[in-house]
């Protein structure tokens, strides 16, 4: 393994990591908002909203992200809707991740015993206050491990962006291997840069989970 070769590739990997982070976090933030809306729709008493939300979740959880990206990037232009590669990556990750986030949030909300909601309402709290001060703190604490796992999963899923010509980490590694045949060096750098992205997320999730449990939420 030639460390001087690895050092010369660092700027390319750094640029690819920034692209991966930009697209990944934009998609994840949208996925969080979308997941919360879908979770609320699944719990609402309007059958149409619940059914539409359920159909969306099943569709995007049970099809690969790569297939979804191909449809967005290659299929939509055939229907007259052109979309740039970066926008396609963000949208694809958001739609894919939103389905997983919705189930995470829904399971967290449903894990809170209904007796607590009923007790809060009987004490004179409004439904908004009950959700804000009783249900959400516990649901968030319960959902943190699954939420962290989803974020890590979605960041790893960005590795398929190379299929739509985005110069992410995977694209950069494959391109350099094809040009210079430095397979070991390129793959080692690929692993290192993915660890740089994912280990802080995992550590932060663990810290947040411990703090919430120490605060008494979710007990």
C-alpha atoms as a PDB file:
ATOM      1  CA  UNK A   1       0.000   0.000   0.000  1.00  0.00           C
ATOM      2  CA  UNK A   2       1.480   3.313  -1.148  1.00  0.00           C
ATOM      3  CA  UNK A   3       0.740   6.116   1.324  1.00  0.00           C
ATOM      4  CA  UNK A   4       2.083   8.792  -1.017  1.00  0.00           C
ATOM      5  CA  UNK A   5      -0.524   7.755  -3.583  1.00  0.00           C
ATOM      6  CA  UNK A   6      -3.226   7.896  -0.935  1.00  0.00           C
ATOM      7  CA  UNK A   7      -2.095  11.379   0.066  1.00  0.00           C
ATOM      8  CA  UNK A   8      -2.352  12.563  -3.530  1.00  0.00           C
ATOM      9  CA  UNK A   9      -5.962  11.301  -3.699  1.00  0.00           C
ATOM     10  CA  UNK A  10      -7.066  13.050  -0.513  1.00  0.00           C
ATOM     11  CA  UNK A  11      -8.303  16.287  -2.180  1.00  0.00           C
ATOM     12  CA  UNK A  12     -10.517  14.274  -4.530  1.00  0.00           C
ATOM     13  CA  UNK A  13     -11.991  12.268  -1.677  1.00  0.00           C
ATOM     14  CA  UNK A  14     -12.484  15.401   0.401  1.00  0.00           C
ATOM     15  CA  UNK A  15     -14.425  17.052  -2.418  1.00  0.00           C
ATOM     16  CA  UNK A  16     -16.492  13.888  -2.886  1.00  0.00           C
ATOM     17  CA  UNK A  17     -17.222  13.711   0.850  1.00  0.00           C
ATOM     18  CA  UNK A  18     -18.506  17.292   0.878  1.00  0.00           C
ATOM     19  CA  UNK A  19     -20.839  16.478  -2.008  1.00  0.00           C
ATOM     20  CA  UNK A  20     -22.008  13.325  -0.236  1.00  0.00           C
ATOM     21  CA  UNK A  21     -22.656  15.253   2.979  1.00  0.00           C
ATOM     22  CA  UNK A  22     -24.479  18.091   1.222  1.00  0.00           C
ATOM     23  CA  UNK A  23     -26.849  15.851  -0.691  1.00  0.00           C
ATOM     24  CA  UNK A  24     -27.175  13.359   2.145  1.00  0.00           C
ATOM     25  CA  UNK A  25     -28.116  15.842   4.856  1.00  0.00           C
ATOM     26  CA  UNK A  26     -30.458  17.818   2.611  1.00  0.00           C
ATOM     27  CA  UNK A  27     -32.281  14.599   1.778  1.00  0.00           C
ATOM     28  CA  UNK A  28     -32.350  13.477   5.412  1.00  0.00           C
ATOM     29  CA  UNK A  29     -33.767  16.787   6.674  1.00  0.00           C
ATOM     30  CA  UNK A  30     -36.572  16.608   4.137  1.00  0.00           C
ATOM     31  CA  UNK A  31     -37.086  12.934   5.029  1.00  0.00           C
ATOM     32  CA  UNK A  32     -37.498  13.848   8.704  1.00  0.00           C
ATOM     33  CA  UNK A  33     -40.193  16.429   7.906  1.00  0.00           C
ATOM     34  CA  UNK A  34     -41.915  14.072   5.480  1.00  0.00           C
ATOM     35  CA  UNK A  35     -41.732  11.195   7.936  1.00  0.00           C
ATOM     36  CA  UNK A  36     -43.286  13.247  10.719  1.00  0.00           C
ATOM     37  CA  UNK A  37     -46.160  14.342   8.458  1.00  0.00           C
ATOM     38  CA  UNK A  38     -46.783  10.761   7.324  1.00  0.00           C
ATOM     39  CA  UNK A  39     -46.669   9.464  10.899  1.00  0.00           C
ATOM     40  CA  UNK A  40     -49.245  12.073  11.893  1.00  0.00           C
ATOM     41  CA  UNK A  41     -51.371  11.148   8.879  1.00  0.00           C
ATOM     42  CA  UNK A  42     -51.264   7.446   9.834  1.00  0.00           C
ATOM     43  CA  UNK A  43     -52.571   8.320  13.297  1.00  0.00           C
ATOM     44  CA  UNK A  44     -55.245  10.780  12.183  1.00  0.00           C
ATOM     45  CA  UNK A  45     -58.915   9.856  11.923  1.00  0.00           C
ATOM     46  CA  UNK A  46     -59.190  10.776   8.231  1.00  0.00           C
ATOM     47  CA  UNK A  47     -59.156   7.437   6.345  1.00  0.00           C
ATOM     48  CA  UNK A  48     -57.987   8.919   3.035  1.00  0.00           C
ATOM     49  CA  UNK A  49     -54.887  10.520   4.589  1.00  0.00           C
ATOM     50  CA  UNK A  50     -54.040   7.383   6.511  1.00  0.00           C
ATOM     51  CA  UNK A  51     -54.412   5.183   3.421  1.00  0.00           C
ATOM     52  CA  UNK A  52     -52.366   7.499   1.187  1.00  0.00           C
ATOM     53  CA  UNK A  53     -49.629   7.699   3.797  1.00  0.00           C
ATOM     54  CA  UNK A  54     -49.626   3.926   4.180  1.00  0.00           C
ATOM     55  CA  UNK A  55     -49.416   3.407   0.410  1.00  0.00           C
ATOM     56  CA  UNK A  56     -46.471   5.808   0.161  1.00  0.00           C
ATOM     57  CA  UNK A  57     -44.626   4.088   3.004  1.00  0.00           C
ATOM     58  CA  UNK A  58     -45.102   0.612   1.552  1.00  0.00           C
ATOM     59  CA  UNK A  59     -44.070   1.731  -1.950  1.00  0.00           C
ATOM     60  CA  UNK A  60     -40.832   3.438  -0.938  1.00  0.00           C
ATOM     61  CA  UNK A  61     -39.810   0.990   1.794  1.00  0.00           C
ATOM     62  CA  UNK A  62     -40.209  -2.009  -0.488  1.00  0.00           C
ATOM     63  CA  UNK A  63     -38.350  -0.737  -3.545  1.00  0.00           C
ATOM     64  CA  UNK A  64     -34.573  -0.117  -3.683  1.00  0.00           C
ATOM     65  CA  UNK A  65     -33.293   3.449  -3.668  1.00  0.00           C
ATOM     66  CA  UNK A  66     -31.362   2.698  -6.855  1.00  0.00           C
ATOM     67  CA  UNK A  67     -34.597   1.858  -8.694  1.00  0.00           C
ATOM     68  CA  UNK A  68     -36.217   5.037  -7.384  1.00  0.00           C
ATOM     69  CA  UNK A  69     -33.247   7.132  -8.540  1.00  0.00           C
ATOM     70  CA  UNK A  70     -33.351   5.533 -11.987  1.00  0.00           C
ATOM     71  CA  UNK A  71     -37.046   6.368 -12.269  1.00  0.00           C
ATOM     72  CA  UNK A  72     -36.475   9.979 -11.209  1.00  0.00           C
ATOM     73  CA  UNK A  73     -33.343  10.546 -13.305  1.00  0.00           C
ATOM     74  CA  UNK A  74     -34.077   8.511 -16.432  1.00  0.00           C
ATOM     75  CA  UNK A  75     -37.831   7.979 -16.297  1.00  0.00           C
ATOM     76  CA  UNK A  76     -39.177  11.452 -15.534  1.00  0.00           C
ATOM     77  CA  UNK A  77     -37.464  13.090 -18.567  1.00  0.00           C
ATOM     78  CA  UNK A  78     -39.405  10.631 -20.752  1.00  0.00           C
ATOM     79  CA  UNK A  79     -42.568  12.123 -19.258  1.00  0.00           C
ATOM     80  CA  UNK A  80     -41.382  15.665 -19.867  1.00  0.00           C
ATOM     81  CA  UNK A  81     -39.955  16.435 -16.424  1.00  0.00           C
ATOM     82  CA  UNK A  82     -36.212  17.099 -16.436  1.00  0.00           C
ATOM     83  CA  UNK A  83     -34.324  16.949 -13.130  1.00  0.00           C
ATOM     84  CA  UNK A  84     -30.696  17.668 -12.317  1.00  0.00           C
ATOM     85  CA  UNK A  85     -28.550  14.923 -10.802  1.00  0.00           C
ATOM     86  CA  UNK A  86     -28.093  16.618  -7.408  1.00  0.00           C
ATOM     87  CA  UNK A  87     -31.788  17.451  -7.116  1.00  0.00           C
ATOM     88  CA  UNK A  88     -32.566  13.873  -8.095  1.00  0.00           C
ATOM     89  CA  UNK A  89     -30.283  12.580  -5.338  1.00  0.00           C
ATOM     90  CA  UNK A  90     -31.858  14.820  -2.705  1.00  0.00           C
ATOM     91  CA  UNK A  91     -35.412  13.987  -3.788  1.00  0.00           C
ATOM     92  CA  UNK A  92     -34.756  10.262  -4.052  1.00  0.00           C
ATOM     93  CA  UNK A  93     -33.133  10.087  -0.619  1.00  0.00           C
ATOM     94  CA  UNK A  94     -35.892  12.224   0.906  1.00  0.00           C
ATOM     95  CA  UNK A  95     -38.689  10.056  -0.466  1.00  0.00           C
ATOM     96  CA  UNK A  96     -36.891   6.833   0.432  1.00  0.00           C
ATOM     97  CA  UNK A  97     -35.921   8.033   3.895  1.00  0.00           C
ATOM     98  CA  UNK A  98     -39.303   9.597   4.621  1.00  0.00           C
ATOM     99  CA  UNK A  99     -40.931   6.167   4.520  1.00  0.00           C
ATOM    100  CA  UNK A 100     -38.490   4.804   7.117  1.00  0.00           C
ATOM    101  CA  UNK A 101     -38.708   7.900   9.299  1.00  0.00           C
ATOM    102  CA  UNK A 102     -42.519   7.731   9.256  1.00  0.00           C
ATOM    103  CA  UNK A 103     -42.506   4.231  10.717  1.00  0.00           C
ATOM    104  CA  UNK A 104     -39.901   5.231  13.303  1.00  0.00           C
ATOM    105  CA  UNK A 105     -41.955   8.204  14.469  1.00  0.00           C
ATOM    106  CA  UNK A 106     -45.207   6.228  14.395  1.00  0.00           C
ATOM    107  CA  UNK A 107     -43.764   3.431  16.522  1.00  0.00           C
ATOM    108  CA  UNK A 108     -42.450   5.998  19.013  1.00  0.00           C
ATOM    109  CA  UNK A 109     -45.837   7.695  19.293  1.00  0.00           C
ATOM    110  CA  UNK A 110     -47.691   4.414  19.659  1.00  0.00           C
ATOM    111  CA  UNK A 111     -45.290   3.229  22.364  1.00  0.00           C
ATOM    112  CA  UNK A 112     -46.583   5.930  24.714  1.00  0.00           C
ATOM    113  CA  UNK A 113     -49.409   4.419  26.773  1.00  0.00           C
ATOM    114  CA  UNK A 114     -52.803   5.940  25.958  1.00  0.00           C
ATOM    115  CA  UNK A 115     -53.559   6.158  29.677  1.00  0.00           C
ATOM    116  CA  UNK A 116     -51.037   8.992  29.897  1.00  0.00           C
ATOM    117  CA  UNK A 117     -52.839  10.962  27.205  1.00  0.00           C
ATOM    118  CA  UNK A 118     -56.175  10.364  28.887  1.00  0.00           C
ATOM    119  CA  UNK A 119     -54.780  11.387  32.276  1.00  0.00           C
ATOM    120  CA  UNK A 120     -53.317  14.614  30.871  1.00  0.00           C
ATOM    121  CA  UNK A 121     -56.630  15.501  29.216  1.00  0.00           C
ATOM    122  CA  UNK A 122     -58.549  14.754  32.403  1.00  0.00           C
ATOM    123  CA  UNK A 123     -56.262  17.157  34.279  1.00  0.00           C
ATOM    124  CA  UNK A 124     -57.352  19.971  31.978  1.00  0.00           C
ATOM    125  CA  UNK A 125     -54.463  20.006  29.506  1.00  0.00           C
ATOM    126  CA  UNK A 126     -55.332  20.754  25.895  1.00  0.00           C
ATOM    127  CA  UNK A 127     -54.533  18.226  23.164  1.00  0.00           C
ATOM    128  CA  UNK A 128     -51.645  20.411  22.013  1.00  0.00           C
ATOM    129  CA  UNK A 129     -50.233  20.618  25.556  1.00  0.00           C
ATOM    130  CA  UNK A 130     -50.665  16.879  25.989  1.00  0.00           C
ATOM    131  CA  UNK A 131     -48.759  16.188  22.803  1.00  0.00           C
ATOM    132  CA  UNK A 132     -46.088  18.801  23.561  1.00  0.00           C
ATOM    133  CA  UNK A 133     -45.384  18.005  27.217  1.00  0.00           C
ATOM    134  CA  UNK A 134     -46.457  14.379  27.684  1.00  0.00           C
ATOM    135  CA  UNK A 135     -46.393  12.380  24.453  1.00  0.00           C
ATOM    136  CA  UNK A 136     -43.587  13.884  22.352  1.00  0.00           C
ATOM    137  CA  UNK A 137     -40.796  13.846  24.988  1.00  0.00           C
ATOM    138  CA  UNK A 138     -41.353  10.135  25.594  1.00  0.00           C
ATOM    139  CA  UNK A 139     -41.847   9.307  21.913  1.00  0.00           C
ATOM    140  CA  UNK A 140     -38.630  11.104  20.981  1.00  0.00           C
ATOM    141  CA  UNK A 141     -36.640   9.240  23.619  1.00  0.00           C
ATOM    142  CA  UNK A 142     -38.036   5.912  22.444  1.00  0.00           C
ATOM    143  CA  UNK A 143     -37.366   6.742  18.787  1.00  0.00           C
ATOM    144  CA  UNK A 144     -33.757   7.928  19.140  1.00  0.00           C
ATOM    145  CA  UNK A 145     -32.035   4.528  18.538  1.00  0.00           C
ATOM    146  CA  UNK A 146     -34.159   3.760  15.471  1.00  0.00           C
ATOM    147  CA  UNK A 147     -33.846   7.352  14.254  1.00  0.00           C
ATOM    148  CA  UNK A 148     -30.048   7.222  14.520  1.00  0.00           C
ATOM    149  CA  UNK A 149     -29.999   3.888  12.701  1.00  0.00           C
ATOM    150  CA  UNK A 150     -32.118   5.399   9.909  1.00  0.00           C
ATOM    151  CA  UNK A 151     -29.793   8.390   9.531  1.00  0.00           C
ATOM    152  CA  UNK A 152     -26.764   6.094   9.287  1.00  0.00           C
ATOM    153  CA  UNK A 153     -28.607   3.851   6.838  1.00  0.00           C
ATOM    154  CA  UNK A 154     -29.529   6.806   4.603  1.00  0.00           C
ATOM    155  CA  UNK A 155     -25.999   8.213   4.644  1.00  0.00           C
ATOM    156  CA  UNK A 156     -24.698   4.813   3.554  1.00  0.00           C
ATOM    157  CA  UNK A 157     -27.347   4.675   0.833  1.00  0.00           C
ATOM    158  CA  UNK A 158     -25.725   7.716  -0.790  1.00  0.00           C
ATOM    159  CA  UNK A 159     -23.202   5.254  -2.205  1.00  0.00           C
ATOM    160  CA  UNK A 160     -25.666   4.498  -5.033  1.00  0.00           C
ATOM    161  CA  UNK A 161     -25.591   8.116  -6.230  1.00  0.00           C
ATOM    162  CA  UNK A 162     -22.701   7.209  -8.502  1.00  0.00           C
ATOM    163  CA  UNK A 163     -25.268   5.437 -10.702  1.00  0.00           C
ATOM    164  CA  UNK A 164     -26.683   8.821 -11.745  1.00  0.00           C
ATOM    165  CA  UNK A 165     -23.243  10.344 -12.403  1.00  0.00           C
ATOM    166  CA  UNK A 166     -22.842  12.180  -9.103  1.00  0.00           C
ATOM    167  CA  UNK A 167     -19.185  12.358  -8.079  1.00  0.00           C
ATOM    168  CA  UNK A 168     -19.706  11.094  -4.564  1.00  0.00           C
ATOM    169  CA  UNK A 169     -17.265   8.939  -2.613  1.00  0.00           C
ATOM    170  CA  UNK A 170     -18.169   5.725  -4.404  1.00  0.00           C
ATOM    171  CA  UNK A 171     -17.946   7.352  -7.840  1.00  0.00           C
ATOM    172  CA  UNK A 172     -14.534   8.812  -6.972  1.00  0.00           C
ATOM    173  CA  UNK A 173     -13.205   5.469  -5.735  1.00  0.00           C
ATOM    174  CA  UNK A 174     -14.420   3.573  -8.807  1.00  0.00           C
ATOM    175  CA  UNK A 175     -13.097   6.266 -11.137  1.00  0.00           C
ATOM    176  CA  UNK A 176      -9.615   6.241  -9.587  1.00  0.00           C
ATOM    177  CA  UNK A 177      -9.475   2.446  -9.585  1.00  0.00           C
ATOM    178  CA  UNK A 178     -10.403   2.401 -13.261  1.00  0.00           C
ATOM    179  CA  UNK A 179      -7.787   5.016 -14.135  1.00  0.00           C
ATOM    180  CA  UNK A 180      -4.808   3.980 -12.026  1.00  0.00           C
ATOM    181  CA  UNK A 181      -5.577   0.439 -10.777  1.00  0.00           C
ATOM    182  CA  UNK A 182      -4.756   1.433  -7.194  1.00  0.00           C
ATOM    183  CA  UNK A 183      -7.519  -0.749  -5.785  1.00  0.00           C
ATOM    184  CA  UNK A 184      -6.273  -1.175  -2.211  1.00  0.00           C
ATOM    185  CA  UNK A 185      -5.403   2.492  -1.699  1.00  0.00           C
ATOM    186  CA  UNK A 186      -8.713   3.675  -3.145  1.00  0.00           C
ATOM    187  CA  UNK A 187     -10.807   1.260  -1.087  1.00  0.00           C
ATOM    188  CA  UNK A 188      -8.956   2.056   2.140  1.00  0.00           C
ATOM    189  CA  UNK A 189      -9.608   5.755   1.591  1.00  0.00           C
ATOM    190  CA  UNK A 190     -13.237   4.996   0.811  1.00  0.00           C
ATOM    191  CA  UNK A 191     -13.642   3.161   4.124  1.00  0.00           C
ATOM    192  CA  UNK A 192     -11.855   5.934   6.043  1.00  0.00           C
ATOM    193  CA  UNK A 193     -14.016   8.703   4.616  1.00  0.00           C
ATOM    194  CA  UNK A 194     -17.252   6.812   5.242  1.00  0.00           C
ATOM    195  CA  UNK A 195     -16.119   6.276   8.827  1.00  0.00           C
ATOM    196  CA  UNK A 196     -15.453  10.019   9.121  1.00  0.00           C
ATOM    197  CA  UNK A 197     -19.054  10.626   8.085  1.00  0.00           C
ATOM    198  CA  UNK A 198     -20.806   7.902  10.059  1.00  0.00           C
ATOM    199  CA  UNK A 199     -18.942   7.519  13.359  1.00  0.00           C
ATOM    200  CA  UNK A 200     -19.820  11.050  14.615  1.00  0.00           C
ATOM    201  CA  UNK A 201     -23.493  10.397  13.826  1.00  0.00           C
ATOM    202  CA  UNK A 202     -23.422   7.135  15.776  1.00  0.00           C
ATOM    203  CA  UNK A 203     -21.618   8.754  18.724  1.00  0.00           C
ATOM    204  CA  UNK A 204     -24.003  11.739  18.781  1.00  0.00           C
ATOM    205  CA  UNK A 205     -27.020   9.433  18.727  1.00  0.00           C
ATOM    206  CA  UNK A 206     -25.671   7.499  21.713  1.00  0.00           C
ATOM    207  CA  UNK A 207     -25.032  10.714  23.664  1.00  0.00           C
ATOM    208  CA  UNK A 208     -28.537  12.044  22.981  1.00  0.00           C
ATOM    209  CA  UNK A 209     -30.104   8.721  23.980  1.00  0.00           C
ATOM    210  CA  UNK A 210     -28.215   8.666  27.288  1.00  0.00           C
ATOM    211  CA  UNK A 211     -29.115  12.279  28.073  1.00  0.00           C
ATOM    212  CA  UNK A 212     -32.802  11.703  27.384  1.00  0.00           C
ATOM    213  CA  UNK A 213     -32.837   8.605  29.554  1.00  0.00           C
ATOM    214  CA  UNK A 214     -30.986  10.452  32.316  1.00  0.00           C
ATOM    215  CA  UNK A 215     -33.630  13.187  32.082  1.00  0.00           C
ATOM    216  CA  UNK A 216     -36.291  10.560  32.739  1.00  0.00           C
ATOM    217  CA  UNK A 217     -37.998  10.501  29.316  1.00  0.00           C
ATOM    218  CA  UNK A 218     -39.181   7.164  28.075  1.00  0.00           C
ATOM    219  CA  UNK A 219     -39.037   5.428  31.475  1.00  0.00           C
END
